[in-house]
């Protein structure tokens, strides 16, 4: 398994397809974090993606975990490896905190296994478009 930088031309079409297969609206490219990592097979097939919004010296927010479930159990290992890489990246940015949010047990278990602790439960999230774009890619209803 290889960890590579997210490349819009190489990876985004696969990500759109995977989101649609899960019946989720794809995240617009302009909303993805500036830091994105992809786990690939040794023959360059997409396994998983995770991004991180990071402000150097402040906080890293890990988001948008996505896997191609056709790779089976390796998806969980890929996500762990991606989180580890993002934590190290946040350290190089001298971030003081890593933050993430989830409603899924699988992602929660991965975050906990990488050293994150539960900070809040039952929170609501909010979004507002500043240019009249559809924001339903954020929602779960």
N, C-alpha and C. Protein backbone atom coordinates (compact mmCIF):
# COMPACT_ATOMS: atom_id res chain seq x y z
N UNK A 1 0.84 -1.17 0.00
CA UNK A 1 0.00 0.00 0.00
C UNK A 1 0.90 1.24 0.00
N UNK A 2 0.50 2.23 -0.80
CA UNK A 2 1.24 3.48 -0.88
C UNK A 2 0.35 4.64 -0.45
N UNK A 3 0.94 5.61 0.22
CA UNK A 3 0.23 6.84 0.60
C UNK A 3 0.75 7.94 -0.32
N UNK A 4 -0.17 8.58 -1.04
CA UNK A 4 0.20 9.63 -1.98
C UNK A 4 -0.65 10.87 -1.72
N UNK A 5 -0.17 12.00 -2.21
CA UNK A 5 -0.94 13.24 -2.12
C UNK A 5 -2.17 13.12 -3.02
N UNK A 6 -3.28 13.68 -2.56
CA UNK A 6 -4.49 13.74 -3.37
C UNK A 6 -4.19 14.53 -4.64
N UNK A 7 -4.64 13.98 -5.78
CA UNK A 7 -4.48 14.62 -7.07
C UNK A 7 -5.86 14.70 -7.70
N UNK A 8 -6.33 15.90 -7.90
CA UNK A 8 -7.69 16.12 -8.42
C UNK A 8 -7.93 15.34 -9.71
N UNK A 9 -7.03 15.43 -10.65
CA UNK A 9 -7.22 14.77 -11.94
C UNK A 9 -7.20 13.24 -11.82
N UNK A 10 -6.40 12.75 -10.92
CA UNK A 10 -6.26 11.30 -10.78
C UNK A 10 -7.31 10.67 -9.87
N UNK A 11 -7.71 11.35 -8.79
CA UNK A 11 -8.52 10.72 -7.74
C UNK A 11 -9.98 11.19 -7.65
N UNK A 12 -10.27 12.41 -8.06
CA UNK A 12 -11.59 12.97 -7.75
C UNK A 12 -12.73 12.21 -8.43
N UNK A 13 -12.58 11.79 -9.66
CA UNK A 13 -13.65 11.06 -10.34
C UNK A 13 -14.00 9.77 -9.60
N UNK A 14 -12.99 9.07 -9.09
CA UNK A 14 -13.22 7.86 -8.30
C UNK A 14 -13.97 8.21 -7.02
N UNK A 15 -13.58 9.30 -6.38
CA UNK A 15 -14.25 9.72 -5.14
C UNK A 15 -15.71 10.08 -5.41
N UNK A 16 -15.98 10.80 -6.50
CA UNK A 16 -17.36 11.12 -6.85
C UNK A 16 -18.19 9.84 -7.03
N UNK A 17 -17.62 8.87 -7.74
CA UNK A 17 -18.32 7.60 -7.97
C UNK A 17 -18.62 6.89 -6.66
N UNK A 18 -17.63 6.86 -5.75
CA UNK A 18 -17.82 6.18 -4.46
C UNK A 18 -18.88 6.88 -3.62
N UNK A 19 -18.87 8.20 -3.59
CA UNK A 19 -19.90 8.93 -2.86
C UNK A 19 -21.28 8.61 -3.43
N UNK A 20 -21.40 8.61 -4.74
CA UNK A 20 -22.68 8.33 -5.37
C UNK A 20 -23.14 6.90 -5.09
N UNK A 21 -22.20 5.94 -5.08
CA UNK A 21 -22.55 4.56 -4.76
C UNK A 21 -23.10 4.44 -3.34
N UNK A 22 -22.62 5.29 -2.45
CA UNK A 22 -23.11 5.30 -1.06
C UNK A 22 -24.37 6.15 -0.92
N UNK A 23 -24.85 6.69 -2.04
CA UNK A 23 -26.00 7.58 -2.08
C UNK A 23 -25.75 8.86 -1.28
N UNK A 24 -24.51 9.35 -1.35
CA UNK A 24 -24.14 10.62 -0.76
C UNK A 24 -23.86 11.60 -1.89
N UNK A 25 -24.18 12.84 -1.66
CA UNK A 25 -23.83 13.86 -2.64
C UNK A 25 -22.33 14.11 -2.55
N UNK A 26 -21.60 14.09 -3.66
CA UNK A 26 -20.16 14.31 -3.62
C UNK A 26 -19.79 15.68 -3.04
N UNK A 27 -18.72 15.71 -2.30
CA UNK A 27 -18.19 16.96 -1.79
C UNK A 27 -17.60 17.73 -2.98
N UNK A 28 -18.00 18.98 -3.18
CA UNK A 28 -17.39 19.76 -4.27
C UNK A 28 -15.88 19.88 -4.06
N UNK A 29 -15.15 19.88 -5.15
CA UNK A 29 -13.70 19.93 -5.08
C UNK A 29 -13.23 21.15 -4.28
N UNK A 30 -13.93 22.27 -4.40
CA UNK A 30 -13.50 23.48 -3.69
C UNK A 30 -13.77 23.42 -2.18
N UNK A 31 -14.50 22.41 -1.73
CA UNK A 31 -14.76 22.27 -0.30
C UNK A 31 -13.82 21.25 0.35
N UNK A 32 -13.08 20.50 -0.46
CA UNK A 32 -12.14 19.53 0.11
C UNK A 32 -10.99 20.26 0.79
N UNK A 33 -10.43 19.64 1.83
CA UNK A 33 -9.31 20.26 2.55
C UNK A 33 -8.09 20.47 1.64
N UNK A 34 -7.27 21.42 2.01
CA UNK A 34 -6.05 21.69 1.28
C UNK A 34 -5.04 20.57 1.37
N UNK A 35 -5.14 19.76 2.41
CA UNK A 35 -4.27 18.61 2.57
C UNK A 35 -5.12 17.37 2.38
N UNK A 36 -4.78 16.58 1.39
CA UNK A 36 -5.51 15.35 1.14
C UNK A 36 -4.54 14.23 0.85
N UNK A 37 -4.80 13.08 1.45
CA UNK A 37 -3.95 11.92 1.22
C UNK A 37 -4.80 10.75 0.72
N UNK A 38 -4.20 9.96 -0.15
CA UNK A 38 -4.88 8.80 -0.72
C UNK A 38 -4.02 7.57 -0.49
N UNK A 39 -4.66 6.50 -0.06
CA UNK A 39 -3.99 5.20 0.00
C UNK A 39 -4.30 4.49 -1.30
N UNK A 40 -3.25 3.96 -1.92
CA UNK A 40 -3.41 3.24 -3.17
C UNK A 40 -2.78 1.86 -3.05
N UNK A 41 -3.27 0.94 -3.86
CA UNK A 41 -2.64 -0.37 -3.95
C UNK A 41 -1.28 -0.19 -4.64
N UNK A 42 -0.47 -1.22 -4.62
CA UNK A 42 0.84 -1.15 -5.27
C UNK A 42 0.73 -0.93 -6.77
N UNK A 43 -0.45 -1.24 -7.34
CA UNK A 43 -0.65 -0.96 -8.76
C UNK A 43 -1.51 0.29 -8.97
N UNK A 44 -1.47 1.20 -8.01
CA UNK A 44 -2.05 2.55 -8.10
C UNK A 44 -3.57 2.61 -8.14
N UNK A 45 -4.24 1.63 -7.56
CA UNK A 45 -5.70 1.67 -7.47
C UNK A 45 -6.11 2.34 -6.15
N UNK A 46 -7.12 3.18 -6.21
CA UNK A 46 -7.62 3.93 -5.07
C UNK A 46 -8.17 2.98 -4.00
N UNK A 47 -7.71 3.16 -2.76
CA UNK A 47 -8.26 2.42 -1.62
C UNK A 47 -9.06 3.36 -0.72
N UNK A 48 -8.43 4.49 -0.35
CA UNK A 48 -9.08 5.39 0.62
C UNK A 48 -8.52 6.81 0.51
N UNK A 49 -9.32 7.75 1.00
CA UNK A 49 -8.95 9.16 1.04
C UNK A 49 -9.29 9.71 2.42
N UNK A 50 -8.46 10.62 2.90
CA UNK A 50 -8.79 11.45 4.06
C UNK A 50 -8.13 12.80 3.83
N UNK A 51 -8.85 13.85 4.21
CA UNK A 51 -8.30 15.20 4.11
C UNK A 51 -8.16 15.84 5.47
N UNK A 52 -7.39 16.93 5.50
CA UNK A 52 -7.24 17.68 6.75
C UNK A 52 -7.17 19.17 6.43
N UNK A 53 -8.07 19.89 7.07
CA UNK A 53 -7.98 21.34 7.07
C UNK A 53 -7.01 21.67 8.20
N UNK A 54 -5.98 22.44 7.94
CA UNK A 54 -4.99 22.72 8.98
C UNK A 54 -4.57 24.17 8.95
N UNK A 55 -4.51 24.74 10.13
CA UNK A 55 -3.93 26.06 10.28
C UNK A 55 -2.66 25.89 11.09
N UNK A 56 -1.53 26.15 10.47
CA UNK A 56 -0.26 25.97 11.18
C UNK A 56 -0.26 26.69 12.53
N UNK A 57 0.22 25.98 13.53
CA UNK A 57 0.28 26.54 14.87
C UNK A 57 -1.03 26.50 15.63
N UNK A 58 -2.07 25.96 15.02
CA UNK A 58 -3.40 25.96 15.65
C UNK A 58 -3.97 24.54 15.75
N UNK A 59 -4.74 24.14 14.74
CA UNK A 59 -5.48 22.87 14.81
C UNK A 59 -5.54 22.22 13.44
N UNK A 60 -5.61 20.90 13.43
CA UNK A 60 -5.84 20.14 12.21
C UNK A 60 -7.20 19.45 12.33
N UNK A 61 -8.06 19.64 11.36
CA UNK A 61 -9.39 19.03 11.35
C UNK A 61 -9.42 17.97 10.26
N UNK A 62 -9.48 16.71 10.68
CA UNK A 62 -9.49 15.58 9.76
C UNK A 62 -10.94 15.29 9.34
N UNK A 63 -11.14 15.16 8.02
CA UNK A 63 -12.50 15.01 7.53
C UNK A 63 -12.53 14.27 6.18
N UNK A 64 -13.70 13.89 5.76
CA UNK A 64 -14.00 13.31 4.47
C UNK A 64 -13.39 11.94 4.23
N UNK A 65 -13.30 11.12 5.25
CA UNK A 65 -12.81 9.75 5.07
C UNK A 65 -13.71 9.02 4.08
N UNK A 66 -13.07 8.36 3.12
CA UNK A 66 -13.81 7.68 2.07
C UNK A 66 -13.01 6.45 1.64
N UNK A 67 -13.69 5.33 1.49
CA UNK A 67 -12.99 4.11 1.06
C UNK A 67 -13.70 3.46 -0.11
N UNK A 68 -12.94 2.70 -0.86
CA UNK A 68 -13.49 1.84 -1.90
C UNK A 68 -13.61 0.46 -1.26
N UNK A 69 -14.81 0.13 -0.84
CA UNK A 69 -15.05 -1.09 -0.07
C UNK A 69 -14.74 -2.37 -0.84
N UNK A 70 -14.50 -2.28 -2.14
CA UNK A 70 -14.15 -3.48 -2.89
C UNK A 70 -12.79 -4.03 -2.44
N UNK A 71 -12.03 -3.23 -1.71
CA UNK A 71 -10.72 -3.69 -1.21
C UNK A 71 -10.84 -4.40 0.14
N UNK A 72 -12.05 -4.52 0.67
CA UNK A 72 -12.29 -5.28 1.89
C UNK A 72 -11.56 -4.77 3.12
N UNK A 73 -11.00 -5.69 3.88
CA UNK A 73 -10.41 -5.38 5.19
C UNK A 73 -9.25 -4.40 5.11
N UNK A 74 -8.61 -4.32 3.97
CA UNK A 74 -7.47 -3.40 3.84
C UNK A 74 -7.92 -1.93 3.97
N UNK A 75 -9.21 -1.65 3.76
CA UNK A 75 -9.71 -0.28 3.87
C UNK A 75 -9.47 0.29 5.27
N UNK A 76 -9.76 -0.49 6.30
CA UNK A 76 -9.54 -0.04 7.66
C UNK A 76 -8.07 0.23 7.94
N UNK A 77 -7.22 -0.65 7.44
CA UNK A 77 -5.77 -0.45 7.61
C UNK A 77 -5.32 0.80 6.87
N UNK A 78 -5.89 1.03 5.70
CA UNK A 78 -5.54 2.22 4.92
C UNK A 78 -5.95 3.49 5.67
N UNK A 79 -7.16 3.48 6.24
CA UNK A 79 -7.61 4.66 6.98
C UNK A 79 -6.70 4.93 8.18
N UNK A 80 -6.30 3.89 8.89
CA UNK A 80 -5.38 4.07 10.02
C UNK A 80 -4.07 4.69 9.56
N UNK A 81 -3.55 4.18 8.47
CA UNK A 81 -2.29 4.69 7.95
C UNK A 81 -2.44 6.15 7.51
N UNK A 82 -3.57 6.48 6.90
CA UNK A 82 -3.82 7.86 6.49
C UNK A 82 -3.92 8.80 7.68
N UNK A 83 -4.65 8.38 8.71
CA UNK A 83 -4.76 9.22 9.92
C UNK A 83 -3.38 9.42 10.53
N UNK A 84 -2.61 8.37 10.64
CA UNK A 84 -1.26 8.50 11.20
C UNK A 84 -0.43 9.51 10.40
N UNK A 85 -0.54 9.45 9.09
CA UNK A 85 0.19 10.39 8.24
C UNK A 85 -0.29 11.82 8.45
N UNK A 86 -1.59 12.01 8.59
CA UNK A 86 -2.11 13.36 8.82
C UNK A 86 -1.70 13.89 10.18
N UNK A 87 -1.67 13.04 11.18
CA UNK A 87 -1.21 13.48 12.51
C UNK A 87 0.24 13.94 12.42
N UNK A 88 1.06 13.19 11.72
CA UNK A 88 2.46 13.59 11.56
C UNK A 88 2.56 14.91 10.78
N UNK A 89 1.73 15.06 9.77
CA UNK A 89 1.71 16.31 9.00
C UNK A 89 1.32 17.48 9.90
N UNK A 90 0.31 17.27 10.76
CA UNK A 90 -0.11 18.33 11.69
C UNK A 90 1.03 18.71 12.64
N UNK A 91 1.79 17.71 13.05
CA UNK A 91 2.95 17.99 13.91
C UNK A 91 3.97 18.86 13.19
N UNK A 92 4.19 18.60 11.90
CA UNK A 92 5.16 19.42 11.16
C UNK A 92 4.64 20.84 10.99
N UNK A 93 3.32 21.01 11.02
CA UNK A 93 2.71 22.34 10.96
C UNK A 93 2.65 22.99 12.34
N UNK A 94 3.15 22.25 13.34
CA UNK A 94 3.14 22.72 14.72
C UNK A 94 1.72 22.98 15.24
N UNK A 95 0.77 22.18 14.73
CA UNK A 95 -0.60 22.26 15.24
C UNK A 95 -0.61 21.78 16.68
N UNK A 96 -1.51 22.32 17.47
CA UNK A 96 -1.62 21.95 18.87
C UNK A 96 -2.69 20.88 19.10
N UNK A 97 -3.61 20.75 18.16
CA UNK A 97 -4.71 19.80 18.33
C UNK A 97 -5.05 19.15 16.99
N UNK A 98 -5.60 17.95 17.09
CA UNK A 98 -6.25 17.27 15.97
C UNK A 98 -7.71 17.12 16.36
N UNK A 99 -8.59 17.38 15.43
CA UNK A 99 -10.02 17.32 15.69
C UNK A 99 -10.69 16.57 14.54
N UNK A 100 -11.73 15.82 14.83
CA UNK A 100 -12.53 15.18 13.81
C UNK A 100 -13.93 14.96 14.37
N UNK A 101 -14.86 14.65 13.52
CA UNK A 101 -16.24 14.41 13.94
C UNK A 101 -16.79 13.24 13.15
N UNK A 102 -17.66 12.48 13.78
CA UNK A 102 -18.29 11.36 13.09
C UNK A 102 -19.58 10.96 13.78
N UNK A 103 -20.41 10.29 13.03
CA UNK A 103 -21.59 9.65 13.61
C UNK A 103 -21.52 8.14 13.41
N UNK A 104 -20.45 7.66 12.76
CA UNK A 104 -20.34 6.23 12.50
C UNK A 104 -19.41 5.56 13.51
N UNK A 105 -19.79 4.39 13.93
CA UNK A 105 -18.98 3.63 14.89
C UNK A 105 -17.64 3.21 14.31
N UNK A 106 -17.63 2.83 13.03
CA UNK A 106 -16.38 2.37 12.42
C UNK A 106 -15.32 3.48 12.42
N UNK A 107 -15.72 4.68 12.01
CA UNK A 107 -14.77 5.80 11.98
C UNK A 107 -14.37 6.18 13.41
N UNK A 108 -15.33 6.15 14.32
CA UNK A 108 -15.04 6.44 15.73
C UNK A 108 -13.97 5.48 16.26
N UNK A 109 -14.10 4.20 15.97
CA UNK A 109 -13.12 3.21 16.43
C UNK A 109 -11.73 3.49 15.86
N UNK A 110 -11.69 3.87 14.59
CA UNK A 110 -10.40 4.19 13.97
C UNK A 110 -9.77 5.40 14.66
N UNK A 111 -10.54 6.44 14.87
CA UNK A 111 -10.01 7.65 15.52
C UNK A 111 -9.49 7.33 16.92
N UNK A 112 -10.25 6.58 17.68
CA UNK A 112 -9.82 6.21 19.03
C UNK A 112 -8.55 5.36 18.97
N UNK A 113 -8.49 4.45 17.99
CA UNK A 113 -7.30 3.59 17.88
C UNK A 113 -6.04 4.38 17.53
N UNK A 114 -6.20 5.57 16.98
CA UNK A 114 -5.07 6.41 16.62
C UNK A 114 -4.74 7.42 17.71
N UNK A 115 -5.47 7.38 18.83
CA UNK A 115 -5.13 8.23 19.97
C UNK A 115 -6.07 9.40 20.22
N UNK A 116 -7.08 9.59 19.38
CA UNK A 116 -8.04 10.67 19.63
C UNK A 116 -9.02 10.22 20.70
N UNK A 117 -9.57 11.16 21.43
CA UNK A 117 -10.55 10.85 22.47
C UNK A 117 -11.87 11.54 22.14
N UNK A 118 -12.97 10.97 22.61
CA UNK A 118 -14.29 11.55 22.39
C UNK A 118 -14.35 12.89 23.12
N UNK A 119 -14.75 13.93 22.39
CA UNK A 119 -14.82 15.27 22.97
C UNK A 119 -16.26 15.71 23.24
N UNK A 120 -17.18 15.33 22.38
CA UNK A 120 -18.58 15.71 22.57
C UNK A 120 -19.46 14.68 21.88
N UNK A 121 -20.70 14.59 22.34
CA UNK A 121 -21.66 13.68 21.75
C UNK A 121 -22.96 14.44 21.47
N UNK A 122 -23.68 14.00 20.46
CA UNK A 122 -24.98 14.58 20.15
C UNK A 122 -24.91 16.00 19.61
N UNK A 123 -23.80 16.38 19.00
CA UNK A 123 -23.65 17.73 18.46
C UNK A 123 -24.34 17.85 17.11
N UNK A 124 -24.75 19.04 16.78
CA UNK A 124 -25.28 19.34 15.46
C UNK A 124 -24.20 20.09 14.68
N UNK A 125 -24.23 19.94 13.36
CA UNK A 125 -23.30 20.70 12.53
C UNK A 125 -24.09 21.70 11.70
N UNK A 126 -23.43 22.75 11.28
CA UNK A 126 -24.09 23.82 10.55
C UNK A 126 -23.26 24.19 9.34
N UNK A 127 -23.93 24.67 8.29
CA UNK A 127 -23.25 25.08 7.07
C UNK A 127 -24.01 26.25 6.44
N UNK A 128 -23.30 27.11 5.74
CA UNK A 128 -23.91 28.20 4.99
C UNK A 128 -23.09 28.42 3.73
N UNK A 129 -23.74 28.49 2.61
CA UNK A 129 -23.06 28.79 1.36
C UNK A 129 -22.91 30.30 1.23
N UNK A 130 -21.74 30.74 0.82
CA UNK A 130 -21.50 32.16 0.61
C UNK A 130 -21.65 32.56 -0.85
N UNK A 131 -21.97 31.57 -1.70
CA UNK A 131 -22.15 31.87 -3.13
C UNK A 131 -23.31 31.08 -3.73
N UNK A 132 -24.29 30.79 -2.91
CA UNK A 132 -25.52 30.10 -3.33
C UNK A 132 -25.30 28.70 -3.87
N UNK A 133 -24.22 28.03 -3.46
CA UNK A 133 -24.00 26.63 -3.85
C UNK A 133 -24.86 25.72 -2.99
N UNK A 134 -25.21 24.60 -3.55
CA UNK A 134 -25.95 23.56 -2.83
C UNK A 134 -25.08 23.05 -1.69
N UNK A 135 -25.61 22.98 -0.50
CA UNK A 135 -24.86 22.51 0.67
C UNK A 135 -25.27 21.12 1.12
N UNK A 136 -26.07 20.43 0.31
CA UNK A 136 -26.58 19.12 0.74
C UNK A 136 -25.46 18.06 0.84
N UNK A 137 -24.28 18.32 0.31
CA UNK A 137 -23.18 17.36 0.45
C UNK A 137 -22.74 17.24 1.90
N UNK A 138 -23.09 18.21 2.73
CA UNK A 138 -22.77 18.18 4.15
C UNK A 138 -23.80 17.37 4.93
N UNK A 139 -25.06 17.46 4.54
CA UNK A 139 -26.15 16.89 5.32
C UNK A 139 -26.28 15.39 5.23
N UNK A 140 -27.00 14.84 6.18
CA UNK A 140 -27.24 13.40 6.22
C UNK A 140 -28.73 13.11 6.19
N UNK A 141 -29.50 13.98 5.63
CA UNK A 141 -30.94 13.79 5.54
C UNK A 141 -31.46 14.22 4.20
